[in-house]
PDB file of N, CA and C in Angstrom:
ATOM      1  N   MET A   1    -118.640-119.738 -86.158  1.00  0.00           N
ATOM      2  CA  MET A   1    -119.276-120.231 -86.938  1.00  0.00           C
ATOM      3  C   MET A   1    -120.147-120.717 -85.811  1.00  0.00           C
ATOM      4  N   SER A   2    -121.723-120.333 -85.716  1.00  0.00           N
ATOM      5  CA  SER A   2    -122.553-120.757 -84.592  1.00  0.00           C
ATOM      6  C   SER A   2    -123.625-121.062 -85.537  1.00  0.00           C
ATOM      7  N   LYS A   3    -123.961-122.332 -84.967  1.00  0.00           N
ATOM      8  CA  LYS A   3    -124.865-123.172 -85.537  1.00  0.00           C
ATOM      9  C   LYS A   3    -126.126-123.398 -84.848  1.00  0.00           C
ATOM     10  N   ASP A   4    -127.313-123.208 -85.015  1.00  0.00           N
ATOM     11  CA  ASP A   4    -128.576-123.143 -84.128  1.00  0.00           C
ATOM     12  C   ASP A   4    -128.611-124.702 -83.917  1.00  0.00           C
ATOM     13  N   LEU A   5    -128.603-125.349 -82.479  1.00  0.00           N
ATOM     14  CA  LEU A   5    -128.640-126.345 -82.196  1.00  0.00           C
ATOM     15  C   LEU A   5    -130.311-127.302 -82.393  1.00  0.00           C
ATOM     16  N   ASN A   6    -131.083-126.297 -82.548  1.00  0.00           N
ATOM     17  CA  ASN A   6    -132.602-126.652 -82.947  1.00  0.00           C
ATOM     18  C   ASN A   6    -132.611-127.264 -83.952  1.00  0.00           C
ATOM     19  N   ARG A   7    -132.064-126.491 -85.214  1.00  0.00           N
ATOM     20  CA  ARG A   7    -131.937-126.457 -86.493  1.00  0.00           C
ATOM     21  C   ARG A   7    -131.759-128.481 -87.231  1.00  0.00           C
ATOM     22  N   ARG A   8    -132.302-128.500 -87.968  1.00  0.00           N
ATOM     23  CA  ARG A   8    -131.837-130.007 -88.298  1.00  0.00           C
ATOM     24  C   ARG A   8    -131.611-129.940 -89.831  1.00  0.00           C
ATOM     25  N   ASP A   9    -130.724-130.766 -89.841  1.00  0.00           N
ATOM     26  CA  ASP A   9    -129.983-130.985 -91.200  1.00  0.00           C
ATOM     27  C   ASP A   9    -130.956-131.965 -92.388  1.00  0.00           C
ATOM     28  N   TRP A  10    -131.355-131.448 -93.528  1.00  0.00           N
ATOM     29  CA  TRP A  10    -132.157-132.273 -94.474  1.00  0.00           C
ATOM     30  C   TRP A  10    -131.552-133.544 -94.714  1.00  0.00           C
ATOM     31  N   ALA A  11    -130.203-133.883 -94.682  1.00  0.00           N
ATOM     32  CA  ALA A  11    -129.506-134.835 -94.609  1.00  0.00           C
ATOM     33  C   ALA A  11    -129.590-136.054 -93.684  1.00  0.00           C
ATOM     34  N   ASP A  12    -130.090-135.448 -92.097  1.00  0.00           N
ATOM     35  CA  ASP A  12    -130.550-136.256 -91.191  1.00  0.00           C
ATOM     36  C   ASP A  12    -131.736-136.611 -91.147  1.00  0.00           C
ATOM     37  N   GLU A  13    -132.677-136.398 -91.967  1.00  0.00           N
ATOM     38  CA  GLU A  13    -134.092-136.986 -92.061  1.00  0.00           C
ATOM     39  C   GLU A  13    -133.534-138.439 -92.110  1.00  0.00           C
ATOM     40  N   GLU A  14    -134.545-139.339 -91.495  1.00  0.00           N
ATOM     41  CA  GLU A  14    -134.677-140.540 -91.328  1.00  0.00           C
ATOM     42  C   GLU A  14    -135.449-141.035 -92.617  1.00  0.00           C
ATOM     43  N   GLU A  15    -135.912-140.522 -93.449  1.00  0.00           N
ATOM     44  CA  GLU A  15    -136.976-141.242 -94.406  1.00  0.00           C
ATOM     45  C   GLU A  15    -136.091-141.562 -95.809  1.00  0.00           C
ATOM     46  N   PHE A  16    -136.315-142.657 -95.952  1.00  0.00           N
ATOM     47  CA  PHE A  16    -135.539-143.507 -97.181  1.00  0.00           C
ATOM     48  C   PHE A  16    -136.747-143.915 -97.714  1.00  0.00           C
ATOM     49  N   ASP A  17    -136.179-143.711 -99.047  1.00  0.00           N
ATOM     50  CA  ASP A  17    -137.341-144.147-100.033  1.00  0.00           C
ATOM     51  C   ASP A  17    -136.977-145.700-100.253  1.00  0.00           C
ATOM     52  N   ASP A  18    -138.114-146.563 -99.816  1.00  0.00           N
ATOM     53  CA  ASP A  18    -138.052-147.765-100.108  1.00  0.00           C
ATOM     54  C   ASP A  18    -138.608-148.519-101.649  1.00  0.00           C
ATOM     55  N   PRO A  19    -137.604-149.085-102.361  1.00  0.00           N
ATOM     56  CA  PRO A  19    -137.860-148.948-103.773  1.00  0.00           C
ATOM     57  C   PRO A  19    -139.041-149.964-104.242  1.00  0.00           C
ATOM     58  N   THR A  20    -139.444-150.482-102.941  1.00  0.00           N
ATOM     59  CA  THR A  20    -140.781-151.566-103.122  1.00  0.00           C
ATOM     60  C   THR A  20    -141.726-150.994-102.678  1.00  0.00           C
ATOM     61  N   THR A  21    -142.057-149.859-102.156  1.00  0.00           N
ATOM     62  CA  THR A  21    -143.036-149.190-102.105  1.00  0.00           C
ATOM     63  C   THR A  21    -143.615-148.216-102.751  1.00  0.00           C
ATOM     64  N   LEU A  22    -144.732-148.342-103.020  1.00  0.00           N
ATOM     65  CA  LEU A  22    -145.646-146.647-104.009  1.00  0.00           C
ATOM     66  C   LEU A  22    -145.891-145.929-103.196  1.00  0.00           C
ATOM     67  N   PRO A  23    -145.869-144.445-103.853  1.00  0.00           N
ATOM     68  CA  PRO A  23    -146.615-143.511-102.977  1.00  0.00           C
ATOM     69  C   PRO A  23    -147.897-143.667-102.939  1.00  0.00           C
ATOM     70  N   PRO A  24    -148.776-143.096-102.361  1.00  0.00           N
ATOM     71  CA  PRO A  24    -150.393-143.180-102.417  1.00  0.00           C
ATOM     72  C   PRO A  24    -151.048-142.481-103.832  1.00  0.00           C
ATOM     73  N   GLN A  25    -152.317-142.703-103.791  1.00  0.00           N
ATOM     74  CA  GLN A  25    -152.520-142.148-105.175  1.00  0.00           C
ATOM     75  C   GLN A  25    -153.144-140.612-104.849  1.00  0.00           C
ATOM     76  N   GLN A  26    -152.937-139.716-105.922  1.00  0.00           N
ATOM     77  CA  GLN A  26    -153.338-138.406-105.763  1.00  0.00           C
ATOM     78  C   GLN A  26    -154.432-138.169-106.449  1.00  0.00           C
ATOM     79  N   ILE A  27    -155.613-137.209-105.632  1.00  0.00           N
ATOM     80  CA  ILE A  27    -156.619-136.810-106.517  1.00  0.00           C
ATOM     81  C   ILE A  27    -156.965-135.530-106.371  1.00  0.00           C
ATOM     82  N   THR A  28    -156.812-134.904-107.215  1.00  0.00           N
ATOM     83  CA  THR A  28    -156.953-133.504-107.202  1.00  0.00           C
ATOM     84  C   THR A  28    -158.168-132.980-108.125  1.00  0.00           C
ATOM     85  N   THR A  29    -158.729-131.937-107.641  1.00  0.00           N
ATOM     86  CA  THR A  29    -159.976-131.249-108.300  1.00  0.00           C
ATOM     87  C   THR A  29    -159.650-130.422-108.981  1.00  0.00           C
ATOM     88  N   ASN A  30    -159.592-129.903-110.133  1.00  0.00           N
ATOM     89  CA  ASN A  30    -159.559-128.865-110.873  1.00  0.00           C
ATOM     90  C   ASN A  30    -160.432-127.609-110.929  1.00  0.00           C
ATOM     91  N   LYS A  31    -160.026-126.301-111.484  1.00  0.00           N
ATOM     92  CA  LYS A  31    -160.724-125.534-111.314  1.00  0.00           C
ATOM     93  C   LYS A  31    -162.353-125.581-112.599  1.00  0.00           C
ATOM     94  N   ASP A  32    -161.718-126.231-113.743  1.00  0.00           N
ATOM     95  CA  ASP A  32    -162.897-126.507-114.465  1.00  0.00           C
ATOM     96  C   ASP A  32    -163.659-127.514-114.394  1.00  0.00           C
ATOM     97  N   GLY A  33    -163.492-128.344-113.124  1.00  0.00           N
ATOM     98  CA  GLY A  33    -164.574-129.570-112.990  1.00  0.00           C
ATOM     99  C   GLY A  33    -163.928-130.724-113.055  1.00  0.00           C
ATOM    100  N   THR A  34    -162.398-130.661-113.791  1.00  0.00           N
ATOM    101  CA  THR A  34    -162.197-132.139-114.258  1.00  0.00           C
ATOM    102  C   THR A  34    -161.170-132.483-112.670  1.00  0.00           C
ATOM    103  N   LYS A  35    -161.171-133.937-112.637  1.00  0.00           N
ATOM    104  CA  LYS A  35    -160.281-134.566-111.599  1.00  0.00           C
ATOM    105  C   LYS A  35    -158.849-135.038-112.271  1.00  0.00           C
ATOM    106  N   THR A  36    -157.805-134.661-111.546  1.00  0.00           N
ATOM    107  CA  THR A  36    -156.436-135.049-112.379  1.00  0.00           C
ATOM    108  C   THR A  36    -156.264-136.115-110.929  1.00  0.00           C
ATOM    109  N   ILE A  37    -156.072-137.381-111.467  1.00  0.00           N
ATOM    110  CA  ILE A  37    -155.576-138.605-110.721  1.00  0.00           C
ATOM    111  C   ILE A  37    -154.380-139.154-110.833  1.00  0.00           C
ATOM    112  N   VAL A  38    -153.137-138.867-109.743  1.00  0.00           N
ATOM    113  CA  VAL A  38    -151.959-139.580-110.516  1.00  0.00           C
ATOM    114  C   VAL A  38    -151.623-140.668-109.473  1.00  0.00           C
ATOM    115  N   SER A  39    -151.112-141.794-110.029  1.00  0.00           N
ATOM    116  CA  SER A  39    -151.020-143.157-109.469  1.00  0.00           C
ATOM    117  C   SER A  39    -149.574-143.590-109.648  1.00  0.00           C
ATOM    118  N   PHE A  40    -149.271-144.606-109.168  1.00  0.00           N
ATOM    119  CA  PHE A  40    -147.740-145.123-109.779  1.00  0.00           C
ATOM    120  C   PHE A  40    -148.122-146.605-109.809  1.00  0.00           C
ATOM    121  N   ARG A  41    -147.276-147.323-110.514  1.00  0.00           N
ATOM    122  CA  ARG A  41    -147.306-148.746-110.321  1.00  0.00           C
ATOM    123  C   ARG A  41    -145.759-149.114-110.742  1.00  0.00           C
ATOM    124  N   PHE A  42    -145.678-150.686-110.921  1.00  0.00           N
ATOM    125  CA  PHE A  42    -144.412-151.027-111.603  1.00  0.00           C
ATOM    126  C   PHE A  42    -144.637-151.463-112.915  1.00  0.00           C
ATOM    127  N   ASN A  43    -143.861-151.410-114.003  1.00  0.00           N
ATOM    128  CA  ASN A  43    -143.984-151.928-115.483  1.00  0.00           C
ATOM    129  C   ASN A  43    -143.366-153.464-115.300  1.00  0.00           C
ATOM    130  N   ASP A  44    -143.327-154.025-116.376  1.00  0.00           N
ATOM    131  CA  ASP A  44    -142.984-155.364-116.324  1.00  0.00           C
ATOM    132  C   ASP A  44    -141.507-155.369-116.419  1.00  0.00           C
ATOM    133  N   ASP A  45    -140.670-154.676-116.380  1.00  0.00           N
ATOM    134  CA  ASP A  45    -138.980-154.173-116.105  1.00  0.00           C
ATOM    135  C   ASP A  45    -138.857-153.941-114.724  1.00  0.00           C
ATOM    136  N   GLY A  46    -139.997-153.831-113.689  1.00  0.00           N
ATOM    137  CA  GLY A  46    -139.810-153.616-112.332  1.00  0.00           C
ATOM    138  C   GLY A  46    -139.177-152.174-112.084  1.00  0.00           C
ATOM    139  N   LYS A  47    -139.530-151.013-112.879  1.00  0.00           N
ATOM    140  CA  LYS A  47    -139.412-149.916-113.113  1.00  0.00           C
ATOM    141  C   LYS A  47    -140.631-149.156-112.555  1.00  0.00           C
ATOM    142  N   LYS A  48    -140.525-147.916-111.374  1.00  0.00           N
ATOM    143  CA  LYS A  48    -141.499-147.398-111.175  1.00  0.00           C
ATOM    144  C   LYS A  48    -141.978-146.323-112.506  1.00  0.00           C
ATOM    145  N   VAL A  49    -143.616-146.475-112.674  1.00  0.00           N
ATOM    146  CA  VAL A  49    -144.089-145.642-113.593  1.00  0.00           C
ATOM    147  C   VAL A  49    -145.557-144.682-113.135  1.00  0.00           C
ATOM    148  N   LYS A  50    -145.398-143.632-113.483  1.00  0.00           N
ATOM    149  CA  LYS A  50    -146.292-142.570-113.035  1.00  0.00           C
ATOM    150  C   LYS A  50    -147.341-142.434-114.027  1.00  0.00           C
ATOM    151  N   THR A  51    -148.333-142.733-113.684  1.00  0.00           N
ATOM    152  CA  THR A  51    -149.803-142.526-114.619  1.00  0.00           C
ATOM    153  C   THR A  51    -150.778-141.127-114.011  1.00  0.00           C
ATOM    154  N   THR A  52    -150.927-140.313-114.963  1.00  0.00           N
ATOM    155  CA  THR A  52    -151.785-139.232-114.611  1.00  0.00           C
ATOM    156  C   THR A  52    -153.050-139.417-115.915  1.00  0.00           C
ATOM    157  N   ARG A  53    -153.955-139.313-114.923  1.00  0.00           N
ATOM    158  CA  ARG A  53    -155.338-139.206-115.591  1.00  0.00           C
ATOM    159  C   ARG A  53    -156.090-138.027-115.581  1.00  0.00           C
ATOM    160  N   LYS A  54    -156.855-137.624-116.591  1.00  0.00           N
ATOM    161  CA  LYS A  54    -157.558-136.265-116.268  1.00  0.00           C
ATOM    162  C   LYS A  54    -159.049-137.210-116.697  1.00  0.00           C
ATOM    163  N   ILE A  55    -160.085-136.531-115.391  1.00  0.00           N
ATOM    164  CA  ILE A  55    -161.116-137.255-115.816  1.00  0.00           C
ATOM    165  C   ILE A  55    -162.595-136.430-115.757  1.00  0.00           C
ATOM    166  N   LYS A  56    -163.196-135.900-116.845  1.00  0.00           N
ATOM    167  CA  LYS A  56    -164.281-135.184-116.993  1.00  0.00           C
ATOM    168  C   LYS A  56    -165.471-135.994-116.538  1.00  0.00           C
ATOM    169  N   THR A  57    -166.317-135.029-115.545  1.00  0.00           N
ATOM    170  CA  THR A  57    -167.682-136.118-115.236  1.00  0.00           C
ATOM    171  C   THR A  57    -168.872-135.329-115.830  1.00  0.00           C
ATOM    172  N   THR A  58    -169.644-135.943-116.659  1.00  0.00           N
ATOM    173  CA  THR A  58    -170.710-135.281-117.085  1.00  0.00           C
ATOM    174  C   THR A  58    -172.001-135.667-116.629  1.00  0.00           C
ATOM    175  N   ILE A  59    -173.020-134.879-116.365  1.00  0.00           N
ATOM    176  CA  ILE A  59    -174.492-135.470-116.077  1.00  0.00           C
ATOM    177  C   ILE A  59    -175.121-135.751-116.983  1.00  0.00           C
ATOM    178  N   ILE A  60    -175.766-136.419-117.281  1.00  0.00           N
ATOM    179  CA  ILE A  60    -176.805-136.271-118.267  1.00  0.00           C
ATOM    180  C   ILE A  60    -178.113-136.612-118.373  1.00  0.00           C
ATOM    181  N   LYS A  61    -179.044-135.956-118.341  1.00  0.00           N
ATOM    182  CA  LYS A  61    -180.533-135.770-117.534  1.00  0.00           C
ATOM    183  C   LYS A  61    -181.475-136.344-118.905  1.00  0.00           C
ATOM    184  N   GLU A  62    -182.389-137.630-118.465  1.00  0.00           N
ATOM    185  CA  GLU A  62    -183.191-138.070-119.209  1.00  0.00           C
ATOM    186  C   GLU A  62    -184.609-137.818-119.267  1.00  0.00           C
ATOM    187  N   ARG A  63    -185.304-137.461-120.007  1.00  0.00           N
ATOM    188  CA  ARG A  63    -186.649-137.244-119.760  1.00  0.00           C
ATOM    189  C   ARG A  63    -187.413-138.213-120.145  1.00  0.00           C
ATOM    190  N   VAL A  64    -188.272-138.738-119.084  1.00  0.00           N
ATOM    191  CA  VAL A  64    -188.993-139.994-118.928  1.00  0.00           C
ATOM    192  C   VAL A  64    -190.568-139.589-119.050  1.00  0.00           C
ATOM    193  N   ASN A  65    -191.245-140.288-120.023  1.00  0.00           N
ATOM    194  CA  ASN A  65    -192.700-140.445-119.842  1.00  0.00           C
ATOM    195  C   ASN A  65    -193.305-140.473-118.542  1.00  0.00           C
ATOM    196  N   SER A  66    -194.349-139.563-118.057  1.00  0.00           N
ATOM    197  CA  SER A  66    -194.852-139.543-116.642  1.00  0.00           C
ATOM    198  C   SER A  66    -195.431-141.250-116.278  1.00  0.00           C
ATOM    199  N   ARG A  67    -195.865-141.668-117.324  1.00  0.00           N
ATOM    200  CA  ARG A  67    -196.512-142.914-117.483  1.00  0.00           C
ATOM    201  C   ARG A  67    -195.624-144.215-117.142  1.00  0.00           C
ATOM    202  N   VAL A  68    -194.745-144.112-117.767  1.00  0.00           N
ATOM    203  CA  VAL A  68    -193.352-144.977-117.671  1.00  0.00           C
ATOM    204  C   VAL A  68    -192.764-144.785-115.973  1.00  0.00           C
ATOM    205  N   ALA A  69    -192.879-143.844-115.535  1.00  0.00           N
ATOM    206  CA  ALA A  69    -192.071-143.451-114.279  1.00  0.00           C
ATOM    207  C   ALA A  69    -192.994-143.753-113.381  1.00  0.00           C
ATOM    208  N   GLU A  70    -194.202-143.755-113.904  1.00  0.00           N
ATOM    209  CA  GLU A  70    -195.293-144.440-112.475  1.00  0.00           C
ATOM    210  C   GLU A  70    -195.338-146.039-112.500  1.00  0.00           C
ATOM    211  N   ARG A  71    -194.952-146.585-113.658  1.00  0.00           N
ATOM    212  CA  ARG A  71    -194.856-148.287-114.138  1.00  0.00           C
ATOM    213  C   ARG A  71    -193.627-148.611-112.967  1.00  0.00           C
ATOM    214  N   LYS A  72    -192.604-147.648-113.244  1.00  0.00           N
ATOM    215  CA  LYS A  72    -191.507-148.025-112.824  1.00  0.00           C
ATOM    216  C   LYS A  72    -191.540-148.132-111.091  1.00  0.00           C
ATOM    217  N   ALA A  73    -192.378-147.391-110.381  1.00  0.00           N
ATOM    218  CA  ALA A  73    -192.569-147.351-109.000  1.00  0.00           C
ATOM    219  C   ALA A  73    -193.584-148.284-108.563  1.00  0.00           C
ATOM    220  N   TRP A  74    -194.250-149.218-109.584  1.00  0.00           N
ATOM    221  CA  TRP A  74    -194.952-150.273-108.937  1.00  0.00           C
ATOM    222  C   TRP A  74    -194.184-151.365-108.340  1.00  0.00           C
ATOM    223  N   PRO A  75    -194.833-152.091-107.705  1.00  0.00           N
ATOM    224  CA  PRO A  75    -194.093-153.118-106.784  1.00  0.00           C
ATOM    225  C   PRO A  75    -194.093-154.485-107.586  1.00  0.00           C
ATOM    226  N   LYS A  76    -193.030-155.119-107.293  1.00  0.00           N
ATOM    227  CA  LYS A  76    -192.863-156.614-108.226  1.00  0.00           C
ATOM    228  C   LYS A  76    -193.901-157.493-107.754  1.00  0.00           C
ATOM    229  N   PHE A  77    -193.914-158.165-108.735  1.00  0.00           N
ATOM    230  CA  PHE A  77    -194.939-159.406-108.570  1.00  0.00           C
ATOM    231  C   PHE A  77    -194.754-160.534-109.173  1.00  0.00           C
ATOM    232  N   GLY A  78    -195.114-161.632-109.162  1.00  0.00           N
ATOM    233  CA  GLY A  78    -194.924-162.960-109.526  1.00  0.00           C
ATOM    234  C   GLY A  78    -193.668-163.258-108.722  1.00  0.00           C
ATOM    235  N   LEU A  79    -192.893-164.351-109.804  1.00  0.00           N
ATOM    236  CA  LEU A  79    -191.714-164.635-108.992  1.00  0.00           C
ATOM    237  C   LEU A  79    -190.614-163.798-108.593  1.00  0.00           C
ATOM    238  N   GLU A  80    -190.923-162.358-108.864  1.00  0.00           N
ATOM    239  CA  GLU A  80    -189.983-161.305-108.790  1.00  0.00           C
ATOM    240  C   GLU A  80    -190.276-160.411-107.434  1.00  0.00           C
ATOM    241  N   LYS A  81    -191.518-160.937-106.692  1.00  0.00           N
ATOM    242  CA  LYS A  81    -192.034-160.489-105.784  1.00  0.00           C
ATOM    243  C   LYS A  81    -190.926-160.410-104.415  1.00  0.00           C
ATOM    244  N   GLY A  82    -190.551-159.330-104.027  1.00  0.00           N
ATOM    245  CA  GLY A  82    -189.784-159.154-102.783  1.00  0.00           C
ATOM    246  C   GLY A  82    -188.378-158.916-103.139  1.00  0.00           C
ATOM    247  N   LYS A  83    -188.031-158.689-104.494  1.00  0.00           N
ATOM    248  CA  LYS A  83    -186.610-158.757-104.872  1.00  0.00           C
ATOM    249  C   LYS A  83    -186.760-156.963-105.103  1.00  0.00           C
ATOM    250  N   PRO A  84    -185.024-156.573-105.263  1.00  0.00           N
ATOM    251  CA  PRO A  84    -184.995-155.287-105.276  1.00  0.00           C
ATOM    252  C   PRO A  84    -185.326-154.653-106.765  1.00  0.00           C
ATOM    253  N   SER A  85    -185.621-153.095-106.339  1.00  0.00           N
ATOM    254  CA  SER A  85    -186.024-152.660-107.560  1.00  0.00           C
ATOM    255  C   SER A  85    -184.777-152.634-108.953  1.00  0.00           C
ATOM    256  N   GLY A  86    -185.555-152.881-110.033  1.00  0.00           N
ATOM    257  CA  GLY A  86    -184.254-153.053-111.272  1.00  0.00           C
ATOM    258  C   GLY A  86    -184.377-154.448-112.064  1.00  0.00           C
ATOM    259  N   PRO A  87    -183.793-154.185-112.862  1.00  0.00           N
ATOM    260  CA  PRO A  87    -183.910-155.769-113.318  1.00  0.00           C
ATOM    261  C   PRO A  87    -182.870-156.475-112.669  1.00  0.00           C
ATOM    262  N   GLN A  88    -183.371-157.928-112.768  1.00  0.00           N
ATOM    263  CA  GLN A  88    -182.815-159.072-112.032  1.00  0.00           C
ATOM    264  C   GLN A  88    -181.953-159.973-113.361  1.00  0.00           C
ATOM    265  N   PHE A  89    -180.611-160.149-113.097  1.00  0.00           N
ATOM    266  CA  PHE A  89    -180.098-160.726-114.211  1.00  0.00           C
ATOM    267  C   PHE A  89    -180.130-162.176-114.477  1.00  0.00           C
ATOM    268  N   ASP A  90    -180.832-162.813-113.464  1.00  0.00           N
ATOM    269  CA  ASP A  90    -181.211-164.000-113.441  1.00  0.00           C
ATOM    270  C   ASP A  90    -182.129-164.346-114.179  1.00  0.00           C
ATOM    271  N   THR A  91    -183.158-163.432-114.225  1.00  0.00           N
ATOM    272  CA  THR A  91    -184.891-163.550-114.791  1.00  0.00           C
ATOM    273  C   THR A  91    -185.135-162.639-116.092  1.00  0.00           C
ATOM    274  N   THR A  92    -184.217-161.854-115.876  1.00  0.00           N
ATOM    275  CA  THR A  92    -184.569-160.549-117.106  1.00  0.00           C
ATOM    276  C   THR A  92    -184.017-160.681-118.377  1.00  0.00           C
ATOM    277  N   SER A  93    -184.262-160.519-119.482  1.00  0.00           N
ATOM    278  CA  SER A  93    -183.320-160.588-120.706  1.00  0.00           C
ATOM    279  C   SER A  93    -183.836-159.228-121.450  1.00  0.00           C
ATOM    280  N   ILE A  94    -183.001-158.470-121.837  1.00  0.00           N
ATOM    281  CA  ILE A  94    -183.307-157.254-122.414  1.00  0.00           C
ATOM    282  C   ILE A  94    -182.849-156.877-123.748  1.00  0.00           C
TER     283      ILE A  94
END
């Protein structure tokens, strides 16, 4: 029986599964453009639970009247002067 001295046995590995740690979240991009997210968590009973989610991202393009787009580019004035673009929740009600 000659055994390679350089070869390691799988049982000699020093990796131990710590029951209190969770594996990292895995994100995989599929051929059809969807993403598969695999994550782990502990449930109420203290057991590890694997959660797999498939996410499909869609892009919706919206046509806006050229006059409306022009008005959106105007600088703000009055009390809103100097604030970033877009509605401000403290002064705008929709």
